[in-house]
Amino acid sequence: MAKYLLLIYGDEQRWDTETPAERAEKDAGHRAFNAAAGAAVLGGHELEPSATATTLRPTATDGPFLETKEALGGFYVLEAPDLDAALALAALLPELKSGHGGVEVRPIVDHG
């Protein structure tokens, strides 16, 4: 089985203004995703805002390197038989219904 990284992107300003009901709906969507994916989910976490990030380059800088509208907000690591199966699971994530989010699905290199 292959492993895939699902990177969840969205507009941080919109995340910051979510109502409690919107946040609860999104959280329910993630619980539904986890239930549907089951043992395929190897891990995942919501991330702190991009303003808390430190980017290492020849010199360290605070915050994200590029000024972008979308920021990385969380991730999952999945194990799936193939890319189609990983994409089918990723399609269940609630960020795809938000109107401002996206999910990048990237295969993880297997050095084994």
PDB file of N, CA and C in Angstrom:
ATOM      1  N   MET A   1       0.835  -1.188   0.000  1.00  0.00           N
ATOM      2  CA  MET A   1       0.000   0.000   0.000  1.00  0.00           C
ATOM      3  C   MET A   1       0.873   1.242   0.000  1.00  0.00           C
ATOM      4  N   ALA A   2       0.433   2.246  -0.712  1.00  0.00           N
ATOM      5  CA  ALA A   2       1.160   3.510  -0.792  1.00  0.00           C
ATOM      6  C   ALA A   2       0.668   4.467   0.294  1.00  0.00           C
ATOM      7  N   LYS A   3       1.506   5.428   0.616  1.00  0.00           N
ATOM      8  CA  LYS A   3       1.140   6.466   1.584  1.00  0.00           C
ATOM      9  C   LYS A   3       1.000   7.791   0.852  1.00  0.00           C
ATOM     10  N   TYR A   4       0.048   8.593   1.331  1.00  0.00           N
ATOM     11  CA  TYR A   4      -0.244   9.885   0.722  1.00  0.00           C
ATOM     12  C   TYR A   4      -0.378  10.931   1.816  1.00  0.00           C
ATOM     13  N   LEU A   5       0.087  12.132   1.506  1.00  0.00           N
ATOM     14  CA  LEU A   5      -0.073  13.272   2.394  1.00  0.00           C
ATOM     15  C   LEU A   5      -1.187  14.140   1.829  1.00  0.00           C
ATOM     16  N   LEU A   6      -2.200  14.404   2.635  1.00  0.00           N
ATOM     17  CA  LEU A   6      -3.288  15.293   2.254  1.00  0.00           C
ATOM     18  C   LEU A   6      -3.041  16.622   2.945  1.00  0.00           C
ATOM     19  N   LEU A   7      -2.768  17.652   2.172  1.00  0.00           N
ATOM     20  CA  LEU A   7      -2.494  18.991   2.703  1.00  0.00           C
ATOM     21  C   LEU A   7      -3.749  19.838   2.537  1.00  0.00           C
ATOM     22  N   ILE A   8      -4.246  20.357   3.630  1.00  0.00           N
ATOM     23  CA  ILE A   8      -5.504  21.101   3.636  1.00  0.00           C
ATOM     24  C   ILE A   8      -5.201  22.596   3.664  1.00  0.00           C
ATOM     25  N   TYR A   9      -5.660  23.310   2.625  1.00  0.00           N
ATOM     26  CA  TYR A   9      -5.423  24.740   2.495  1.00  0.00           C
ATOM     27  C   TYR A   9      -6.730  25.509   2.597  1.00  0.00           C
ATOM     28  N   GLY A  10      -6.627  26.753   3.032  1.00  0.00           N
ATOM     29  CA  GLY A  10      -7.796  27.616   3.071  1.00  0.00           C
ATOM     30  C   GLY A  10      -7.406  29.044   3.392  1.00  0.00           C
ATOM     31  N   ASP A  11      -8.404  29.891   3.436  1.00  0.00           N
ATOM     32  CA  ASP A  11      -8.232  31.312   3.718  1.00  0.00           C
ATOM     33  C   ASP A  11      -8.283  31.508   5.232  1.00  0.00           C
ATOM     34  N   GLU A  12      -7.141  31.854   5.835  1.00  0.00           N
ATOM     35  CA  GLU A  12      -7.085  32.003   7.293  1.00  0.00           C
ATOM     36  C   GLU A  12      -8.043  33.060   7.816  1.00  0.00           C
ATOM     37  N   GLN A  13      -8.262  34.123   7.067  1.00  0.00           N
ATOM     38  CA  GLN A  13      -9.194  35.161   7.519  1.00  0.00           C
ATOM     39  C   GLN A  13     -10.606  34.602   7.627  1.00  0.00           C
ATOM     40  N   ARG A  14     -10.974  33.730   6.708  1.00  0.00           N
ATOM     41  CA  ARG A  14     -12.303  33.111   6.780  1.00  0.00           C
ATOM     42  C   ARG A  14     -12.363  32.119   7.929  1.00  0.00           C
ATOM     43  N   TRP A  15     -11.274  31.364   8.157  1.00  0.00           N
ATOM     44  CA  TRP A  15     -11.255  30.444   9.299  1.00  0.00           C
ATOM     45  C   TRP A  15     -11.424  31.223  10.598  1.00  0.00           C
ATOM     46  N   ASP A  16     -10.762  32.384  10.695  1.00  0.00           N
ATOM     47  CA  ASP A  16     -10.804  33.181  11.922  1.00  0.00           C
ATOM     48  C   ASP A  16     -12.202  33.722  12.217  1.00  0.00           C
ATOM     49  N   THR A  17     -13.034  33.861  11.191  1.00  0.00           N
ATOM     50  CA  THR A  17     -14.369  34.445  11.388  1.00  0.00           C
ATOM     51  C   THR A  17     -15.478  33.392  11.375  1.00  0.00           C
ATOM     52  N   GLU A  18     -15.126  32.109  11.420  1.00  0.00           N
ATOM     53  CA  GLU A  18     -16.148  31.066  11.465  1.00  0.00           C
ATOM     54  C   GLU A  18     -16.982  31.200  12.741  1.00  0.00           C
ATOM     55  N   THR A  19     -18.260  31.006  12.588  1.00  0.00           N
ATOM     56  CA  THR A  19     -19.137  30.993  13.754  1.00  0.00           C
ATOM     57  C   THR A  19     -18.963  29.650  14.465  1.00  0.00           C
ATOM     58  N   PRO A  20     -19.386  29.570  15.715  1.00  0.00           N
ATOM     59  CA  PRO A  20     -19.327  28.274  16.394  1.00  0.00           C
ATOM     60  C   PRO A  20     -20.073  27.177  15.618  1.00  0.00           C
ATOM     61  N   ALA A  21     -21.190  27.526  15.005  1.00  0.00           N
ATOM     62  CA  ALA A  21     -21.953  26.543  14.226  1.00  0.00           C
ATOM     63  C   ALA A  21     -21.161  26.079  12.991  1.00  0.00           C
ATOM     64  N   GLU A  22     -20.510  27.025  12.314  1.00  0.00           N
ATOM     65  CA  GLU A  22     -19.692  26.652  11.147  1.00  0.00           C
ATOM     66  C   GLU A  22     -18.522  25.763  11.563  1.00  0.00           C
ATOM     67  N   ARG A  23     -17.895  26.094  12.668  1.00  0.00           N
ATOM     68  CA  ARG A  23     -16.770  25.293  13.170  1.00  0.00           C
ATOM     69  C   ARG A  23     -17.249  23.893  13.549  1.00  0.00           C
ATOM     70  N   ALA A  24     -18.400  23.811  14.207  1.00  0.00           N
ATOM     71  CA  ALA A  24     -18.957  22.511  14.589  1.00  0.00           C
ATOM     72  C   ALA A  24     -19.276  21.667  13.347  1.00  0.00           C
ATOM     73  N   GLU A  25     -19.795  22.315  12.310  1.00  0.00           N
ATOM     74  CA  GLU A  25     -20.102  21.597  11.063  1.00  0.00           C
ATOM     75  C   GLU A  25     -18.826  21.067  10.409  1.00  0.00           C
ATOM     76  N   LYS A  26     -17.781  21.893  10.402  1.00  0.00           N
ATOM     77  CA  LYS A  26     -16.503  21.451   9.835  1.00  0.00           C
ATOM     78  C   LYS A  26     -15.907  20.317  10.663  1.00  0.00           C
ATOM     79  N   ASP A  27     -15.964  20.437  11.984  1.00  0.00           N
ATOM     80  CA  ASP A  27     -15.457  19.367  12.853  1.00  0.00           C
ATOM     81  C   ASP A  27     -16.215  18.065  12.615  1.00  0.00           C
ATOM     82  N   ALA A  28     -17.534  18.159  12.423  1.00  0.00           N
ATOM     83  CA  ALA A  28     -18.335  16.971  12.124  1.00  0.00           C
ATOM     84  C   ALA A  28     -17.911  16.361  10.794  1.00  0.00           C
ATOM     85  N   GLY A  29     -17.568  17.215   9.839  1.00  0.00           N
ATOM     86  CA  GLY A  29     -17.078  16.725   8.550  1.00  0.00           C
ATOM     87  C   GLY A  29     -15.776  15.956   8.693  1.00  0.00           C
ATOM     88  N   HIS A  30     -14.898  16.419   9.572  1.00  0.00           N
ATOM     89  CA  HIS A  30     -13.638  15.700   9.797  1.00  0.00           C
ATOM     90  C   HIS A  30     -13.873  14.378  10.535  1.00  0.00           C
ATOM     91  N   ARG A  31     -14.830  14.374  11.464  1.00  0.00           N
ATOM     92  CA  ARG A  31     -15.168  13.108  12.128  1.00  0.00           C
ATOM     93  C   ARG A  31     -15.726  12.113  11.113  1.00  0.00           C
ATOM     94  N   ALA A  32     -16.572  12.587  10.191  1.00  0.00           N
ATOM     95  CA  ALA A  32     -17.128  11.720   9.143  1.00  0.00           C
ATOM     96  C   ALA A  32     -16.026  11.209   8.221  1.00  0.00           C
ATOM     97  N   PHE A  33     -15.075  12.092   7.875  1.00  0.00           N
ATOM     98  CA  PHE A  33     -13.939  11.674   7.044  1.00  0.00           C
ATOM     99  C   PHE A  33     -13.162  10.572   7.746  1.00  0.00           C
ATOM    100  N   ASN A  34     -12.850  10.762   9.031  1.00  0.00           N
ATOM    101  CA  ASN A  34     -12.095   9.760   9.785  1.00  0.00           C
ATOM    102  C   ASN A  34     -12.854   8.442   9.885  1.00  0.00           C
ATOM    103  N   ALA A  35     -14.159   8.514  10.066  1.00  0.00           N
ATOM    104  CA  ALA A  35     -14.967   7.294  10.138  1.00  0.00           C
ATOM    105  C   ALA A  35     -14.959   6.559   8.797  1.00  0.00           C
ATOM    106  N   ALA A  36     -15.063   7.314   7.695  1.00  0.00           N
ATOM    107  CA  ALA A  36     -15.071   6.689   6.367  1.00  0.00           C
ATOM    108  C   ALA A  36     -13.700   6.120   6.015  1.00  0.00           C
ATOM    109  N   ALA A  37     -12.649   6.818   6.380  1.00  0.00           N
ATOM    110  CA  ALA A  37     -11.292   6.385   6.033  1.00  0.00           C
ATOM    111  C   ALA A  37     -10.803   5.271   6.944  1.00  0.00           C
ATOM    112  N   GLY A  38     -11.277   5.244   8.180  1.00  0.00           N
ATOM    113  CA  GLY A  38     -10.912   4.176   9.116  1.00  0.00           C
ATOM    114  C   GLY A  38      -9.406   4.039   9.290  1.00  0.00           C
ATOM    115  N   ALA A  39      -8.918   2.818   9.167  1.00  0.00           N
ATOM    116  CA  ALA A  39      -7.502   2.514   9.393  1.00  0.00           C
ATOM    117  C   ALA A  39      -6.589   3.113   8.334  1.00  0.00           C
ATOM    118  N   ALA A  40      -7.153   3.655   7.262  1.00  0.00           N
ATOM    119  CA  ALA A  40      -6.325   4.304   6.236  1.00  0.00           C
ATOM    120  C   ALA A  40      -5.664   5.565   6.767  1.00  0.00           C
ATOM    121  N   VAL A  41      -6.259   6.191   7.790  1.00  0.00           N
ATOM    122  CA  VAL A  41      -5.680   7.399   8.378  1.00  0.00           C
ATOM    123  C   VAL A  41      -4.562   6.979   9.332  1.00  0.00           C
ATOM    124  N   LEU A  42      -3.346   7.341   8.980  1.00  0.00           N
ATOM    125  CA  LEU A  42      -2.191   7.019   9.813  1.00  0.00           C
ATOM    126  C   LEU A  42      -1.867   8.140  10.790  1.00  0.00           C
ATOM    127  N   GLY A  43      -2.379   9.336  10.529  1.00  0.00           N
ATOM    128  CA  GLY A  43      -2.140  10.474  11.406  1.00  0.00           C
ATOM    129  C   GLY A  43      -2.681  11.736  10.766  1.00  0.00           C
ATOM    130  N   GLY A  44      -2.664  12.805  11.526  1.00  0.00           N
ATOM    131  CA  GLY A  44      -3.107  14.085  11.005  1.00  0.00           C
ATOM    132  C   GLY A  44      -3.313  15.061  12.135  1.00  0.00           C
ATOM    133  N   HIS A  45      -3.225  16.333  11.794  1.00  0.00           N
ATOM    134  CA  HIS A  45      -3.401  17.378  12.805  1.00  0.00           C
ATOM    135  C   HIS A  45      -3.834  18.675  12.145  1.00  0.00           C
ATOM    136  N   GLU A  46      -4.558  19.477  12.916  1.00  0.00           N
ATOM    137  CA  GLU A  46      -4.803  20.867  12.544  1.00  0.00           C
ATOM    138  C   GLU A  46      -3.549  21.637  12.932  1.00  0.00           C
ATOM    139  N   LEU A  47      -3.199  22.635  12.148  1.00  0.00           N
ATOM    140  CA  LEU A  47      -2.001  23.423  12.413  1.00  0.00           C
ATOM    141  C   LEU A  47      -2.364  24.794  12.985  1.00  0.00           C
ATOM    142  N   GLU A  48      -1.447  25.353  13.751  1.00  0.00           N
ATOM    143  CA  GLU A  48      -1.600  26.726  14.239  1.00  0.00           C
ATOM    144  C   GLU A  48      -1.544  27.673  13.030  1.00  0.00           C
ATOM    145  N   PRO A  49      -2.011  28.913  13.171  1.00  0.00           N
ATOM    146  CA  PRO A  49      -1.999  29.865  12.053  1.00  0.00           C
ATOM    147  C   PRO A  49      -0.589  30.073  11.477  1.00  0.00           C
ATOM    148  N   SER A  50      -0.543  30.456  10.205  1.00  0.00           N
ATOM    149  CA  SER A  50       0.743  30.623   9.522  1.00  0.00           C
ATOM    150  C   SER A  50       1.614  31.695  10.181  1.00  0.00           C
ATOM    151  N   ALA A  51       1.026  32.626  10.901  1.00  0.00           N
ATOM    152  CA  ALA A  51       1.816  33.659  11.581  1.00  0.00           C
ATOM    153  C   ALA A  51       2.724  33.058  12.647  1.00  0.00           C
ATOM    154  N   THR A  52       2.434  31.845  13.095  1.00  0.00           N
ATOM    155  CA  THR A  52       3.263  31.192  14.105  1.00  0.00           C
ATOM    156  C   THR A  52       4.391  30.372  13.481  1.00  0.00           C
ATOM    157  N   ALA A  53       4.409  30.302  12.160  1.00  0.00           N
ATOM    158  CA  ALA A  53       5.418  29.487  11.466  1.00  0.00           C
ATOM    159  C   ALA A  53       6.762  30.194  11.427  1.00  0.00           C
ATOM    160  N   THR A  54       7.805  29.422  11.414  1.00  0.00           N
ATOM    161  CA  THR A  54       9.154  29.921  11.177  1.00  0.00           C
ATOM    162  C   THR A  54       9.702  29.166   9.983  1.00  0.00           C
ATOM    163  N   THR A  55      10.118  29.906   8.969  1.00  0.00           N
ATOM    164  CA  THR A  55      10.654  29.308   7.759  1.00  0.00           C
ATOM    165  C   THR A  55      12.163  29.360   7.809  1.00  0.00           C
ATOM    166  N   LEU A  56      12.808  28.231   7.624  1.00  0.00           N
ATOM    167  CA  LEU A  56      14.268  28.191   7.613  1.00  0.00           C
ATOM    168  C   LEU A  56      14.768  28.317   6.185  1.00  0.00           C
ATOM    169  N   ARG A  57      15.567  29.289   5.974  1.00  0.00           N
ATOM    170  CA  ARG A  57      16.257  29.550   4.716  1.00  0.00           C
ATOM    171  C   ARG A  57      17.698  29.835   5.146  1.00  0.00           C
ATOM    172  N   PRO A  58      18.531  30.409   4.306  1.00  0.00           N
ATOM    173  CA  PRO A  58      19.873  30.746   4.805  1.00  0.00           C
ATOM    174  C   PRO A  58      19.830  31.539   6.103  1.00  0.00           C
ATOM    175  N   THR A  59      18.742  32.328   6.312  1.00  0.00           N
ATOM    176  CA  THR A  59      18.487  32.980   7.602  1.00  0.00           C
ATOM    177  C   THR A  59      17.032  32.716   7.954  1.00  0.00           C
ATOM    178  N   ALA A  60      16.710  32.584   9.225  1.00  0.00           N
ATOM    179  CA  ALA A  60      15.345  32.293   9.651  1.00  0.00           C
ATOM    180  C   ALA A  60      14.473  33.527   9.496  1.00  0.00           C
ATOM    181  N   THR A  61      13.215  33.321   9.106  1.00  0.00           N
ATOM    182  CA  THR A  61      12.243  34.402   8.995  1.00  0.00           C
ATOM    183  C   THR A  61      10.980  33.976   9.716  1.00  0.00           C
ATOM    184  N   ASP A  62      10.247  34.948  10.245  1.00  0.00           N
ATOM    185  CA  ASP A  62       8.968  34.640  10.878  1.00  0.00           C
ATOM    186  C   ASP A  62       7.884  34.599   9.819  1.00  0.00           C
ATOM    187  N   GLY A  63       6.923  33.693  10.023  1.00  0.00           N
ATOM    188  CA  GLY A  63       5.757  33.631   9.153  1.00  0.00           C
ATOM    189  C   GLY A  63       6.029  32.915   7.852  1.00  0.00           C
ATOM    190  N   PRO A  64       5.003  32.853   7.008  1.00  0.00           N
ATOM    191  CA  PRO A  64       5.154  32.159   5.727  1.00  0.00           C
ATOM    192  C   PRO A  64       6.087  32.932   4.812  1.00  0.00           C
ATOM    193  N   PHE A  65       6.750  32.225   3.924  1.00  0.00           N
ATOM    194  CA  PHE A  65       7.712  32.852   3.023  1.00  0.00           C
ATOM    195  C   PHE A  65       7.019  33.714   1.972  1.00  0.00           C
ATOM    196  N   LEU A  66       5.943  33.215   1.390  1.00  0.00           N
ATOM    197  CA  LEU A  66       5.233  33.940   0.344  1.00  0.00           C
ATOM    198  C   LEU A  66       3.942  34.529   0.894  1.00  0.00           C
ATOM    199  N   GLU A  67       3.549  35.669   0.378  1.00  0.00           N
ATOM    200  CA  GLU A  67       2.259  36.236   0.721  1.00  0.00           C
ATOM    201  C   GLU A  67       1.213  35.546  -0.153  1.00  0.00           C
ATOM    202  N   THR A  68       0.412  34.714   0.427  1.00  0.00           N
ATOM    203  CA  THR A  68      -0.605  34.004  -0.323  1.00  0.00           C
ATOM    204  C   THR A  68      -1.939  34.134   0.390  1.00  0.00           C
ATOM    205  N   LYS A  69      -3.011  33.961  -0.356  1.00  0.00           N
ATOM    206  CA  LYS A  69      -4.337  34.022   0.232  1.00  0.00           C
ATOM    207  C   LYS A  69      -4.632  32.752   1.007  1.00  0.00           C
ATOM    208  N   GLU A  70      -4.191  31.613   0.505  1.00  0.00           N
ATOM    209  CA  GLU A  70      -4.444  30.341   1.171  1.00  0.00           C
ATOM    210  C   GLU A  70      -3.249  29.931   2.009  1.00  0.00           C
ATOM    211  N   ALA A  71      -3.530  29.365   3.160  1.00  0.00           N
ATOM    212  CA  ALA A  71      -2.485  28.901   4.060  1.00  0.00           C
ATOM    213  C   ALA A  71      -2.719  27.429   4.367  1.00  0.00           C
ATOM    214  N   LEU A  72      -1.661  26.748   4.722  1.00  0.00           N
ATOM    215  CA  LEU A  72      -1.759  25.361   5.130  1.00  0.00           C
ATOM    216  C   LEU A  72      -2.375  25.313   6.524  1.00  0.00           C
ATOM    217  N   GLY A  73      -3.499  24.617   6.650  1.00  0.00           N
ATOM    218  CA  GLY A  73      -4.209  24.599   7.917  1.00  0.00           C
ATOM    219  C   GLY A  73      -4.196  23.261   8.627  1.00  0.00           C
ATOM    220  N   GLY A  74      -3.823  22.203   7.917  1.00  0.00           N
ATOM    221  CA  GLY A  74      -3.796  20.891   8.531  1.00  0.00           C
ATOM    222  C   GLY A  74      -3.398  19.841   7.525  1.00  0.00           C
ATOM    223  N   PHE A  75      -3.306  18.609   8.010  1.00  0.00           N
ATOM    224  CA  PHE A  75      -2.887  17.525   7.132  1.00  0.00           C
ATOM    225  C   PHE A  75      -3.353  16.184   7.669  1.00  0.00           C
ATOM    226  N   TYR A  76      -3.390  15.220   6.778  1.00  0.00           N
ATOM    227  CA  TYR A  76      -3.583  13.819   7.124  1.00  0.00           C
ATOM    228  C   TYR A  76      -2.532  13.015   6.379  1.00  0.00           C
ATOM    229  N   VAL A  77      -2.111  11.911   6.955  1.00  0.00           N
ATOM    230  CA  VAL A  77      -1.293  10.922   6.273  1.00  0.00           C
ATOM    231  C   VAL A  77      -2.187   9.705   6.102  1.00  0.00           C
ATOM    232  N   LEU A  78      -2.339   9.261   4.849  1.00  0.00           N
ATOM    233  CA  LEU A  78      -3.194   8.127   4.533  1.00  0.00           C
ATOM    234  C   LEU A  78      -2.387   6.992   3.946  1.00  0.00           C
ATOM    235  N   GLU A  79      -2.900   5.794   4.120  1.00  0.00           N
ATOM    236  CA  GLU A  79      -2.384   4.636   3.406  1.00  0.00           C
ATOM    237  C   GLU A  79      -3.533   4.146   2.529  1.00  0.00           C
ATOM    238  N   ALA A  80      -3.277   4.025   1.250  1.00  0.00           N
ATOM    239  CA  ALA A  80      -4.320   3.638   0.305  1.00  0.00           C
ATOM    240  C   ALA A  80      -3.709   2.758  -0.790  1.00  0.00           C
ATOM    241  N   PRO A  81      -4.525   1.926  -1.424  1.00  0.00           N
ATOM    242  CA  PRO A  81      -3.985   1.034  -2.449  1.00  0.00           C
ATOM    243  C   PRO A  81      -3.445   1.771  -3.673  1.00  0.00           C
ATOM    244  N   ASP A  82      -4.009   2.954  -3.972  1.00  0.00           N
ATOM    245  CA  ASP A  82      -3.551   3.717  -5.136  1.00  0.00           C
ATOM    246  C   ASP A  82      -4.036   5.164  -5.030  1.00  0.00           C
ATOM    247  N   LEU A  83      -3.608   5.975  -5.984  1.00  0.00           N
ATOM    248  CA  LEU A  83      -3.967   7.397  -5.973  1.00  0.00           C
ATOM    249  C   LEU A  83      -5.473   7.594  -6.069  1.00  0.00           C
ATOM    250  N   ASP A  84      -6.155   6.793  -6.876  1.00  0.00           N
ATOM    251  CA  ASP A  84      -7.609   6.944  -7.007  1.00  0.00           C
ATOM    252  C   ASP A  84      -8.311   6.758  -5.666  1.00  0.00           C
ATOM    253  N   ALA A  85      -7.861   5.778  -4.887  1.00  0.00           N
ATOM    254  CA  ALA A  85      -8.456   5.551  -3.571  1.00  0.00           C
ATOM    255  C   ALA A  85      -8.159   6.719  -2.634  1.00  0.00           C
ATOM    256  N   ALA A  86      -6.947   7.254  -2.693  1.00  0.00           N
ATOM    257  CA  ALA A  86      -6.584   8.406  -1.862  1.00  0.00           C
ATOM    258  C   ALA A  86      -7.410   9.631  -2.249  1.00  0.00           C
ATOM    259  N   LEU A  87      -7.612   9.836  -3.554  1.00  0.00           N
ATOM    260  CA  LEU A  87      -8.420  10.969  -4.016  1.00  0.00           C
ATOM    261  C   LEU A  87      -9.876  10.827  -3.596  1.00  0.00           C
ATOM    262  N   ALA A  88     -10.389   9.608  -3.624  1.00  0.00           N
ATOM    263  CA  ALA A  88     -11.773   9.381  -3.216  1.00  0.00           C
ATOM    264  C   ALA A  88     -11.952   9.737  -1.742  1.00  0.00           C
ATOM    265  N   LEU A  89     -10.987   9.388  -0.902  1.00  0.00           N
ATOM    266  CA  LEU A  89     -11.072   9.746   0.510  1.00  0.00           C
ATOM    267  C   LEU A  89     -10.906  11.252   0.699  1.00  0.00           C
ATOM    268  N   ALA A  90      -9.944  11.854   0.009  1.00  0.00           N
ATOM    269  CA  ALA A  90      -9.708  13.297   0.136  1.00  0.00           C
ATOM    270  C   ALA A  90     -10.943  14.097  -0.262  1.00  0.00           C
ATOM    271  N   ALA A  91     -11.710  13.584  -1.213  1.00  0.00           N
ATOM    272  CA  ALA A  91     -12.916  14.280  -1.675  1.00  0.00           C
ATOM    273  C   ALA A  91     -13.965  14.409  -0.572  1.00  0.00           C
ATOM    274  N   LEU A  92     -13.827  13.654   0.508  1.00  0.00           N
ATOM    275  CA  LEU A  92     -14.774  13.711   1.622  1.00  0.00           C
ATOM    276  C   LEU A  92     -14.485  14.839   2.603  1.00  0.00           C
ATOM    277  N   LEU A  93     -13.329  15.482   2.481  1.00  0.00           N
ATOM    278  CA  LEU A  93     -12.954  16.517   3.448  1.00  0.00           C
ATOM    279  C   LEU A  93     -13.859  17.744   3.320  1.00  0.00           C
ATOM    280  N   PRO A  94     -14.285  18.310   4.455  1.00  0.00           N
ATOM    281  CA  PRO A  94     -15.244  19.417   4.423  1.00  0.00           C
ATOM    282  C   PRO A  94     -14.693  20.701   3.812  1.00  0.00           C
ATOM    283  N   GLU A  95     -13.386  20.861   3.786  1.00  0.00           N
ATOM    284  CA  GLU A  95     -12.816  22.089   3.206  1.00  0.00           C
ATOM    285  C   GLU A  95     -13.166  22.242   1.734  1.00  0.00           C
ATOM    286  N   LEU A  96     -13.437  21.156   1.059  1.00  0.00           N
ATOM    287  CA  LEU A  96     -13.775  21.234  -0.358  1.00  0.00           C
ATOM    288  C   LEU A  96     -15.170  21.820  -0.584  1.00  0.00           C
ATOM    289  N   LYS A  97     -15.970  21.902   0.466  1.00  0.00           N
ATOM    290  CA  LYS A  97     -17.309  22.488   0.371  1.00  0.00           C
ATOM    291  C   LYS A  97     -17.334  23.923   0.875  1.00  0.00           C
ATOM    292  N   SER A  98     -16.206  24.419   1.387  1.00  0.00           N
ATOM    293  CA  SER A  98     -16.182  25.725   2.051  1.00  0.00           C
ATOM    294  C   SER A  98     -16.189  26.902   1.084  1.00  0.00           C
ATOM    295  N   GLY A  99     -15.815  26.677  -0.165  1.00  0.00           N
ATOM    296  CA  GLY A  99     -15.748  27.767  -1.123  1.00  0.00           C
ATOM    297  C   GLY A  99     -14.430  28.515  -1.103  1.00  0.00           C
ATOM    298  N   HIS A 100     -13.534  28.181  -0.166  1.00  0.00           N
ATOM    299  CA  HIS A 100     -12.244  28.865  -0.119  1.00  0.00           C
ATOM    300  C   HIS A 100     -11.096  27.908   0.186  1.00  0.00           C
ATOM    301  N   GLY A 101     -11.366  26.645   0.270  1.00  0.00           N
ATOM    302  CA  GLY A 101     -10.318  25.704   0.638  1.00  0.00           C
ATOM    303  C   GLY A 101      -9.947  24.772  -0.496  1.00  0.00           C
ATOM    304  N   GLY A 102      -8.911  24.029  -0.259  1.00  0.00           N
ATOM    305  CA  GLY A 102      -8.466  23.045  -1.219  1.00  0.00           C
ATOM    306  C   GLY A 102      -7.668  21.973  -0.500  1.00  0.00           C
ATOM    307  N   VAL A 103      -7.510  20.846  -1.163  1.00  0.00           N
ATOM    308  CA  VAL A 103      -6.756  19.736  -0.608  1.00  0.00           C
ATOM    309  C   VAL A 103      -5.766  19.252  -1.670  1.00  0.00           C
ATOM    310  N   GLU A 104      -4.502  19.245  -1.303  1.00  0.00           N
ATOM    311  CA  GLU A 104      -3.462  18.707  -2.183  1.00  0.00           C
ATOM    312  C   GLU A 104      -3.176  17.286  -1.730  1.00  0.00           C
ATOM    313  N   VAL A 105      -3.171  16.345  -2.665  1.00  0.00           N
ATOM    314  CA  VAL A 105      -2.861  14.956  -2.365  1.00  0.00           C
ATOM    315  C   VAL A 105      -1.509  14.657  -2.996  1.00  0.00           C
ATOM    316  N   ARG A 106      -0.555  14.298  -2.154  1.00  0.00           N
ATOM    317  CA  ARG A 106       0.809  14.080  -2.640  1.00  0.00           C
ATOM    318  C   ARG A 106       1.320  12.717  -2.178  1.00  0.00           C
ATOM    319  N   PRO A 107       1.794  11.887  -3.119  1.00  0.00           N
ATOM    320  CA  PRO A 107       2.385  10.606  -2.717  1.00  0.00           C
ATOM    321  C   PRO A 107       3.642  10.820  -1.873  1.00  0.00           C
ATOM    322  N   ILE A 108       3.822   9.946  -0.900  1.00  0.00           N
ATOM    323  CA  ILE A 108       5.001   9.968  -0.040  1.00  0.00           C
ATOM    324  C   ILE A 108       6.006   8.978  -0.614  1.00  0.00           C
ATOM    325  N   VAL A 109       7.256   9.390  -0.715  1.00  0.00           N
ATOM    326  CA  VAL A 109       8.312   8.540  -1.264  1.00  0.00           C
ATOM    327  C   VAL A 109       8.566   7.381  -0.311  1.00  0.00           C
ATOM    328  N   ASP A 110       8.617   6.178  -0.849  1.00  0.00           N
ATOM    329  CA  ASP A 110       8.891   4.974  -0.073  1.00  0.00           C
ATOM    330  C   ASP A 110      10.337   4.555  -0.365  1.00  0.00           C
ATOM    331  N   HIS A 111      11.200   4.712   0.603  1.00  0.00           N
ATOM    332  CA  HIS A 111      12.607   4.337   0.426  1.00  0.00           C
ATOM    333  C   HIS A 111      12.859   2.900   0.824  1.00  0.00           C
ATOM    334  N   GLY A 112      11.782   2.145   1.117  1.00  0.00           N
ATOM    335  CA  GLY A 112      11.935   0.779   1.553  1.00  0.00           C
ATOM    336  C   GLY A 112      12.158  -0.116   0.422  1.00  0.00           C
TER     337      GLY A 112
END
